[in-house]
PDB file of N, CA and C in Angstrom:
ATOM      1  N   MET A   1      85.433 169.421 192.882  1.00  0.00           N
ATOM      2  CA  MET A   1      84.742 170.353 192.029  1.00  0.00           C
ATOM      3  C   MET A   1      83.265 170.332 192.402  1.00  0.00           C
ATOM      4  N   PRO A   2      82.804 171.317 193.170  1.00  0.00           N
ATOM      5  CA  PRO A   2      81.397 171.350 193.575  1.00  0.00           C
ATOM      6  C   PRO A   2      80.497 171.806 192.420  1.00  0.00           C
ATOM      7  N   ILE A   3      79.557 170.936 192.071  1.00  0.00           N
ATOM      8  CA  ILE A   3      78.590 171.268 191.030  1.00  0.00           C
ATOM      9  C   ILE A   3      77.492 172.108 191.662  1.00  0.00           C
ATOM     10  N   ILE A   4      77.291 173.311 191.131  1.00  0.00           N
ATOM     11  CA  ILE A   4      76.306 174.250 191.664  1.00  0.00           C
ATOM     12  C   ILE A   4      74.976 174.097 190.937  1.00  0.00           C
ATOM     13  N   ALA A   5      75.020 173.802 189.636  1.00  0.00           N
ATOM     14  CA  ALA A   5      73.799 173.691 188.834  1.00  0.00           C
ATOM     15  C   ALA A   5      74.102 172.885 187.578  1.00  0.00           C
ATOM     16  N   ARG A   6      73.032 172.544 186.880  1.00  0.00           N
ATOM     17  CA  ARG A   6      73.137 171.883 185.577  1.00  0.00           C
ATOM     18  C   ARG A   6      72.255 172.640 184.593  1.00  0.00           C
ATOM     19  N   ILE A   7      72.773 172.825 183.385  1.00  0.00           N
ATOM     20  CA  ILE A   7      72.025 173.502 182.327  1.00  0.00           C
ATOM     21  C   ILE A   7      72.163 172.666 181.063  1.00  0.00           C
ATOM     22  N   ASP A   8      71.068 172.118 180.603  1.00  0.00           N
ATOM     23  CA  ASP A   8      71.057 171.375 179.340  1.00  0.00           C
ATOM     24  C   ASP A   8      72.188 170.343 179.246  1.00  0.00           C
ATOM     25  N   GLY A   9      72.413 169.608 180.325  1.00  0.00           N
ATOM     26  CA  GLY A   9      73.437 168.571 180.328  1.00  0.00           C
ATOM     27  C   GLY A   9      74.841 169.061 180.645  1.00  0.00           C
ATOM     28  N   LEU A  10      75.010 170.366 180.790  1.00  0.00           N
ATOM     29  CA  LEU A  10      76.306 170.939 181.164  1.00  0.00           C
ATOM     30  C   LEU A  10      76.309 171.163 182.666  1.00  0.00           C
ATOM     31  N   ILE A  11      77.499 171.182 183.262  1.00  0.00           N
ATOM     32  CA  ILE A  11      77.572 171.435 184.700  1.00  0.00           C
ATOM     33  C   ILE A  11      78.155 172.817 184.950  1.00  0.00           C
ATOM     34  N   VAL A  12      77.647 173.443 186.006  1.00  0.00           N
ATOM     35  CA  VAL A  12      78.114 174.763 186.435  1.00  0.00           C
ATOM     36  C   VAL A  12      78.844 174.552 187.756  1.00  0.00           C
ATOM     37  N   VAL A  13      80.117 174.947 187.800  1.00  0.00           N
ATOM     38  CA  VAL A  13      80.911 174.733 189.006  1.00  0.00           C
ATOM     39  C   VAL A  13      81.548 176.036 189.473  1.00  0.00           C
ATOM     40  N   ILE A  14      81.748 176.102 190.774  1.00  0.00           N
ATOM     41  CA  ILE A  14      82.536 177.167 191.409  1.00  0.00           C
ATOM     42  C   ILE A  14      83.611 176.449 192.214  1.00  0.00           C
ATOM     43  N   TYR A  15      84.849 176.768 191.935  1.00  0.00           N
ATOM     44  CA  TYR A  15      85.950 176.147 192.665  1.00  0.00           C
ATOM     45  C   TYR A  15      86.181 176.901 193.974  1.00  0.00           C
ATOM     46  N   PRO A  16      86.244 176.189 195.096  1.00  0.00           N
ATOM     47  CA  PRO A  16      86.500 176.851 196.380  1.00  0.00           C
ATOM     48  C   PRO A  16      87.845 177.582 196.348  1.00  0.00           C
ATOM     49  N   HIS A  17      87.879 178.743 196.928  1.00  0.00           N
ATOM     50  CA  HIS A  17      89.101 179.542 197.067  1.00  0.00           C
ATOM     51  C   HIS A  17      89.701 179.926 195.720  1.00  0.00           C
ATOM     52  N   ASP A  18      88.871 180.012 194.678  1.00  0.00           N
ATOM     53  CA  ASP A  18      89.342 180.424 193.358  1.00  0.00           C
ATOM     54  C   ASP A  18      89.584 181.934 193.379  1.00  0.00           C
ATOM     55  N   HIS A  19      90.253 182.445 192.383  1.00  0.00           N
ATOM     56  CA  HIS A  19      90.640 183.856 192.306  1.00  0.00           C
ATOM     57  C   HIS A  19      89.443 184.753 192.005  1.00  0.00           C
ATOM     58  N   ALA A  20      89.604 186.029 192.289  1.00  0.00           N
ATOM     59  CA  ALA A  20      88.598 187.044 191.973  1.00  0.00           C
ATOM     60  C   ALA A  20      88.721 187.407 190.498  1.00  0.00           C
ATOM     61  N   PRO A  21      87.724 187.972 189.909  1.00  0.00           N
ATOM     62  CA  PRO A  21      86.385 188.273 190.405  1.00  0.00           C
ATOM     63  C   PRO A  21      85.519 187.013 190.442  1.00  0.00           C
ATOM     64  N   PRO A  22      84.378 187.079 191.135  1.00  0.00           N
ATOM     65  CA  PRO A  22      83.496 185.913 191.211  1.00  0.00           C
ATOM     66  C   PRO A  22      83.106 185.436 189.803  1.00  0.00           C
ATOM     67  N   HIS A  23      83.240 184.145 189.586  1.00  0.00           N
ATOM     68  CA  HIS A  23      82.954 183.577 188.275  1.00  0.00           C
ATOM     69  C   HIS A  23      82.557 182.114 188.417  1.00  0.00           C
ATOM     70  N   VAL A  24      81.978 181.572 187.339  1.00  0.00           N
ATOM     71  CA  VAL A  24      81.632 180.158 187.289  1.00  0.00           C
ATOM     72  C   VAL A  24      82.239 179.551 186.037  1.00  0.00           C
ATOM     73  N   HIS A  25      82.435 178.247 186.095  1.00  0.00           N
ATOM     74  CA  HIS A  25      82.910 177.474 184.967  1.00  0.00           C
ATOM     75  C   HIS A  25      81.739 176.608 184.503  1.00  0.00           C
ATOM     76  N   VAL A  26      81.412 176.679 183.228  1.00  0.00           N
ATOM     77  CA  VAL A  26      80.391 175.812 182.652  1.00  0.00           C
ATOM     78  C   VAL A  26      81.139 174.782 181.818  1.00  0.00           C
ATOM     79  N   LEU A  27      81.006 173.520 182.223  1.00  0.00           N
ATOM     80  CA  LEU A  27      81.776 172.438 181.613  1.00  0.00           C
ATOM     81  C   LEU A  27      80.860 171.466 180.890  1.00  0.00           C
ATOM     82  N   GLY A  28      81.306 171.048 179.729  1.00  0.00           N
ATOM     83  CA  GLY A  28      80.570 170.062 178.957  1.00  0.00           C
ATOM     84  C   GLY A  28      81.522 169.271 178.095  1.00  0.00           C
ATOM     85  N   PRO A  29      80.992 168.349 177.313  1.00  0.00           N
ATOM     86  CA  PRO A  29      81.849 167.478 176.503  1.00  0.00           C
ATOM     87  C   PRO A  29      82.627 168.227 175.427  1.00  0.00           C
ATOM     88  N   ASP A  30      82.141 169.398 175.026  1.00  0.00           N
ATOM     89  CA  ASP A  30      82.799 170.143 173.955  1.00  0.00           C
ATOM     90  C   ASP A  30      83.822 171.158 174.444  1.00  0.00           C
ATOM     91  N   GLY A  31      83.818 171.473 175.740  1.00  0.00           N
ATOM     92  CA  GLY A  31      84.763 172.456 176.231  1.00  0.00           C
ATOM     93  C   GLY A  31      84.298 173.115 177.514  1.00  0.00           C
ATOM     94  N   GLU A  32      84.663 174.384 177.663  1.00  0.00           N
ATOM     95  CA  GLU A  32      84.407 175.128 178.898  1.00  0.00           C
ATOM     96  C   GLU A  32      84.179 176.598 178.561  1.00  0.00           C
ATOM     97  N   ILE A  33      83.259 177.201 179.305  1.00  0.00           N
ATOM     98  CA  ILE A  33      83.045 178.642 179.221  1.00  0.00           C
ATOM     99  C   ILE A  33      83.138 179.182 180.638  1.00  0.00           C
ATOM    100  N   ILE A  34      83.890 180.253 180.803  1.00  0.00           N
ATOM    101  CA  ILE A  34      84.010 180.891 182.112  1.00  0.00           C
ATOM    102  C   ILE A  34      83.244 182.217 182.049  1.00  0.00           C
ATOM    103  N   PHE A  35      82.305 182.366 182.974  1.00  0.00           N
ATOM    104  CA  PHE A  35      81.476 183.564 183.042  1.00  0.00           C
ATOM    105  C   PHE A  35      81.822 184.375 184.288  1.00  0.00           C
ATOM    106  N   ILE A  36      82.137 185.648 184.114  1.00  0.00           N
ATOM    107  CA  ILE A  36      82.278 186.579 185.234  1.00  0.00           C
ATOM    108  C   ILE A  36      80.861 186.947 185.665  1.00  0.00           C
ATOM    109  N   LEU A  37      80.559 186.829 186.948  1.00  0.00           N
ATOM    110  CA  LEU A  37      79.186 186.992 187.416  1.00  0.00           C
ATOM    111  C   LEU A  37      78.744 188.452 187.554  1.00  0.00           C
ATOM    112  N   ASN A  38      79.681 189.374 187.770  1.00  0.00           N
ATOM    113  CA  ASN A  38      79.314 190.779 187.998  1.00  0.00           C
ATOM    114  C   ASN A  38      78.264 190.893 189.099  1.00  0.00           C
ATOM    115  N   CYS A  39      78.590 190.289 190.247  1.00  0.00           N
ATOM    116  CA  CYS A  39      77.697 190.273 191.406  1.00  0.00           C
ATOM    117  C   CYS A  39      77.437 191.702 191.875  1.00  0.00           C
ATOM    118  N   PRO A  40      76.276 191.945 192.394  1.00  0.00           N
ATOM    119  CA  PRO A  40      75.238 190.984 192.764  1.00  0.00           C
ATOM    120  C   PRO A  40      74.133 190.826 191.731  1.00  0.00           C
ATOM    121  N   ASN A  41      74.107 191.639 190.675  1.00  0.00           N
ATOM    122  CA  ASN A  41      72.952 191.624 189.773  1.00  0.00           C
ATOM    123  C   ASN A  41      73.252 191.286 188.321  1.00  0.00           C
ATOM    124  N   GLY A  42      74.530 191.003 187.976  1.00  0.00           N
ATOM    125  CA  GLY A  42      74.855 190.714 186.583  1.00  0.00           C
ATOM    126  C   GLY A  42      74.724 191.956 185.725  1.00  0.00           C
ATOM    127  N   PRO A  43      74.620 191.829 184.430  1.00  0.00           N
ATOM    128  CA  PRO A  43      74.641 190.582 183.685  1.00  0.00           C
ATOM    129  C   PRO A  43      76.040 189.990 183.630  1.00  0.00           C
ATOM    130  N   VAL A  44      76.116 188.728 183.306  1.00  0.00           N
ATOM    131  CA  VAL A  44      77.415 188.060 183.235  1.00  0.00           C
ATOM    132  C   VAL A  44      78.163 188.509 181.991  1.00  0.00           C
ATOM    133  N   SER A  45      79.464 188.322 182.034  1.00  0.00           N
ATOM    134  CA  SER A  45      80.297 188.541 180.853  1.00  0.00           C
ATOM    135  C   SER A  45      81.134 187.284 180.635  1.00  0.00           C
ATOM    136  N   ILE A  46      81.472 187.045 179.401  1.00  0.00           N
ATOM    137  CA  ILE A  46      82.242 185.851 179.052  1.00  0.00           C
ATOM    138  C   ILE A  46      83.720 186.190 179.160  1.00  0.00           C
ATOM    139  N   ARG A  47      84.423 185.482 180.039  1.00  0.00           N
ATOM    140  CA  ARG A  47      85.867 185.681 180.171  1.00  0.00           C
ATOM    141  C   ARG A  47      86.625 184.821 179.175  1.00  0.00           C
ATOM    142  N   GLU A  48      86.134 183.604 178.979  1.00  0.00           N
ATOM    143  CA  GLU A  48      86.851 182.663 178.117  1.00  0.00           C
ATOM    144  C   GLU A  48      85.867 181.596 177.631  1.00  0.00           C
ATOM    145  N   ALA A  49      85.977 181.229 176.378  1.00  0.00           N
ATOM    146  CA  ALA A  49      85.137 180.164 175.829  1.00  0.00           C
ATOM    147  C   ALA A  49      86.007 179.267 174.958  1.00  0.00           C
ATOM    148  N   ARG A  50      86.025 178.002 175.306  1.00  0.00           N
ATOM    149  CA  ARG A  50      86.788 177.015 174.527  1.00  0.00           C
ATOM    150  C   ARG A  50      85.844 175.893 174.106  1.00  0.00           C
ATOM    151  N   GLY A  51      85.744 175.672 172.798  1.00  0.00           N
ATOM    152  CA  GLY A  51      84.977 174.545 172.297  1.00  0.00           C
ATOM    153  C   GLY A  51      83.515 174.831 172.027  1.00  0.00           C
ATOM    154  N   TYR A  52      83.064 176.053 172.274  1.00  0.00           N
ATOM    155  CA  TYR A  52      81.668 176.412 172.038  1.00  0.00           C
ATOM    156  C   TYR A  52      81.596 177.606 171.103  1.00  0.00           C
ATOM    157  N   SER A  53      80.574 177.624 170.272  1.00  0.00           N
ATOM    158  CA  SER A  53      80.394 178.731 169.341  1.00  0.00           C
ATOM    159  C   SER A  53      79.994 179.998 170.101  1.00  0.00           C
ATOM    160  N   GLU A  54      80.159 181.127 169.452  1.00  0.00           N
ATOM    161  CA  GLU A  54      79.753 182.396 170.060  1.00  0.00           C
ATOM    162  C   GLU A  54      78.252 182.392 170.339  1.00  0.00           C
ATOM    163  N   ARG A  55      77.491 181.815 169.431  1.00  0.00           N
ATOM    164  CA  ARG A  55      76.035 181.742 169.619  1.00  0.00           C
ATOM    165  C   ARG A  55      75.681 180.926 170.858  1.00  0.00           C
ATOM    166  N   GLU A  56      76.305 179.771 171.015  1.00  0.00           N
ATOM    167  CA  GLU A  56      76.046 178.928 172.179  1.00  0.00           C
ATOM    168  C   GLU A  56      76.496 179.626 173.463  1.00  0.00           C
ATOM    169  N   ALA A  57      77.622 180.312 173.418  1.00  0.00           N
ATOM    170  CA  ALA A  57      78.112 181.040 174.593  1.00  0.00           C
ATOM    171  C   ALA A  57      77.116 182.130 174.998  1.00  0.00           C
ATOM    172  N   ARG A  58      76.563 182.839 174.030  1.00  0.00           N
ATOM    173  CA  ARG A  58      75.567 183.884 174.333  1.00  0.00           C
ATOM    174  C   ARG A  58      74.295 183.279 174.916  1.00  0.00           C
ATOM    175  N   ARG A  59      73.883 182.144 174.371  1.00  0.00           N
ATOM    176  CA  ARG A  59      72.691 181.476 174.890  1.00  0.00           C
ATOM    177  C   ARG A  59      72.897 181.059 176.352  1.00  0.00           C
ATOM    178  N   LEU A  60      74.069 180.504 176.636  1.00  0.00           N
ATOM    179  CA  LEU A  60      74.369 180.106 178.011  1.00  0.00           C
ATOM    180  C   LEU A  60      74.524 181.318 178.921  1.00  0.00           C
ATOM    181  N   ALA A  61      75.064 182.413 178.400  1.00  0.00           N
ATOM    182  CA  ALA A  61      75.198 183.639 179.199  1.00  0.00           C
ATOM    183  C   ALA A  61      73.833 184.112 179.673  1.00  0.00           C
ATOM    184  N   LYS A  62      72.852 184.015 178.820  1.00  0.00           N
ATOM    185  CA  LYS A  62      71.491 184.410 179.199  1.00  0.00           C
ATOM    186  C   LYS A  62      70.975 183.535 180.333  1.00  0.00           C
ATOM    187  N   ARG A  63      71.201 182.226 180.232  1.00  0.00           N
ATOM    188  CA  ARG A  63      70.752 181.304 181.281  1.00  0.00           C
ATOM    189  C   ARG A  63      71.495 181.555 182.596  1.00  0.00           C
ATOM    190  N   ILE A  64      72.807 181.790 182.522  1.00  0.00           N
ATOM    191  CA  ILE A  64      73.589 182.044 183.728  1.00  0.00           C
ATOM    192  C   ILE A  64      73.170 183.370 184.361  1.00  0.00           C
ATOM    193  N   THR A  65      72.904 184.385 183.549  1.00  0.00           N
ATOM    194  CA  THR A  65      72.469 185.683 184.082  1.00  0.00           C
ATOM    195  C   THR A  65      71.201 185.540 184.914  1.00  0.00           C
ATOM    196  N   GLU A  66      70.293 184.673 184.491  1.00  0.00           N
ATOM    197  CA  GLU A  66      69.071 184.432 185.259  1.00  0.00           C
ATOM    198  C   GLU A  66      69.371 183.846 186.641  1.00  0.00           C
ATOM    199  N   MET A  67      70.517 183.215 186.779  1.00  0.00           N
ATOM    200  CA  MET A  67      70.901 182.546 188.022  1.00  0.00           C
ATOM    201  C   MET A  67      71.851 183.371 188.900  1.00  0.00           C
ATOM    202  N   VAL A  68      72.194 184.591 188.468  1.00  0.00           N
ATOM    203  CA  VAL A  68      73.215 185.368 189.163  1.00  0.00           C
ATOM    204  C   VAL A  68      72.948 185.524 190.657  1.00  0.00           C
ATOM    205  N   PRO A  69      71.749 185.909 191.113  1.00  0.00           N
ATOM    206  CA  PRO A  69      71.575 186.043 192.565  1.00  0.00           C
ATOM    207  C   PRO A  69      71.917 184.756 193.329  1.00  0.00           C
ATOM    208  N   PHE A  70      71.480 183.620 192.807  1.00  0.00           N
ATOM    209  CA  PHE A  70      71.804 182.346 193.441  1.00  0.00           C
ATOM    210  C   PHE A  70      73.301 182.062 193.393  1.00  0.00           C
ATOM    211  N   LEU A  71      73.910 182.255 192.220  1.00  0.00           N
ATOM    212  CA  LEU A  71      75.321 181.939 192.065  1.00  0.00           C
ATOM    213  C   LEU A  71      76.198 182.855 192.905  1.00  0.00           C
ATOM    214  N   CYS A  72      75.827 184.112 193.025  1.00  0.00           N
ATOM    215  CA  CYS A  72      76.635 185.044 193.840  1.00  0.00           C
ATOM    216  C   CYS A  72      76.586 184.682 195.321  1.00  0.00           C
ATOM    217  N   SER A  73      75.514 184.062 195.729  1.00  0.00           N
ATOM    218  CA  SER A  73      75.423 183.669 197.136  1.00  0.00           C
ATOM    219  C   SER A  73      76.123 182.343 197.413  1.00  0.00           C
ATOM    220  N   ALA A  74      76.471 181.614 196.349  1.00  0.00           N
ATOM    221  CA  ALA A  74      77.057 180.267 196.530  1.00  0.00           C
ATOM    222  C   ALA A  74      78.490 180.345 196.955  1.00  0.00           C
TER     223      ALA A  74
END
């Protein structure tokens, strides 16, 4: 599991050879959120959120959207 970035103690991973569309998994002690990147410019959309509130998912979506150019190139 290649860690691409860290956000507030959570890890952002992209699994090699994973299915389309391009997406990232944000993993933490409370669960996982999967963000569709909507490359090349975002904004991201939430595909699935387990263990995190809607508010927290939206906050993380904003942070991930700021990283879309980098994440799409990864």
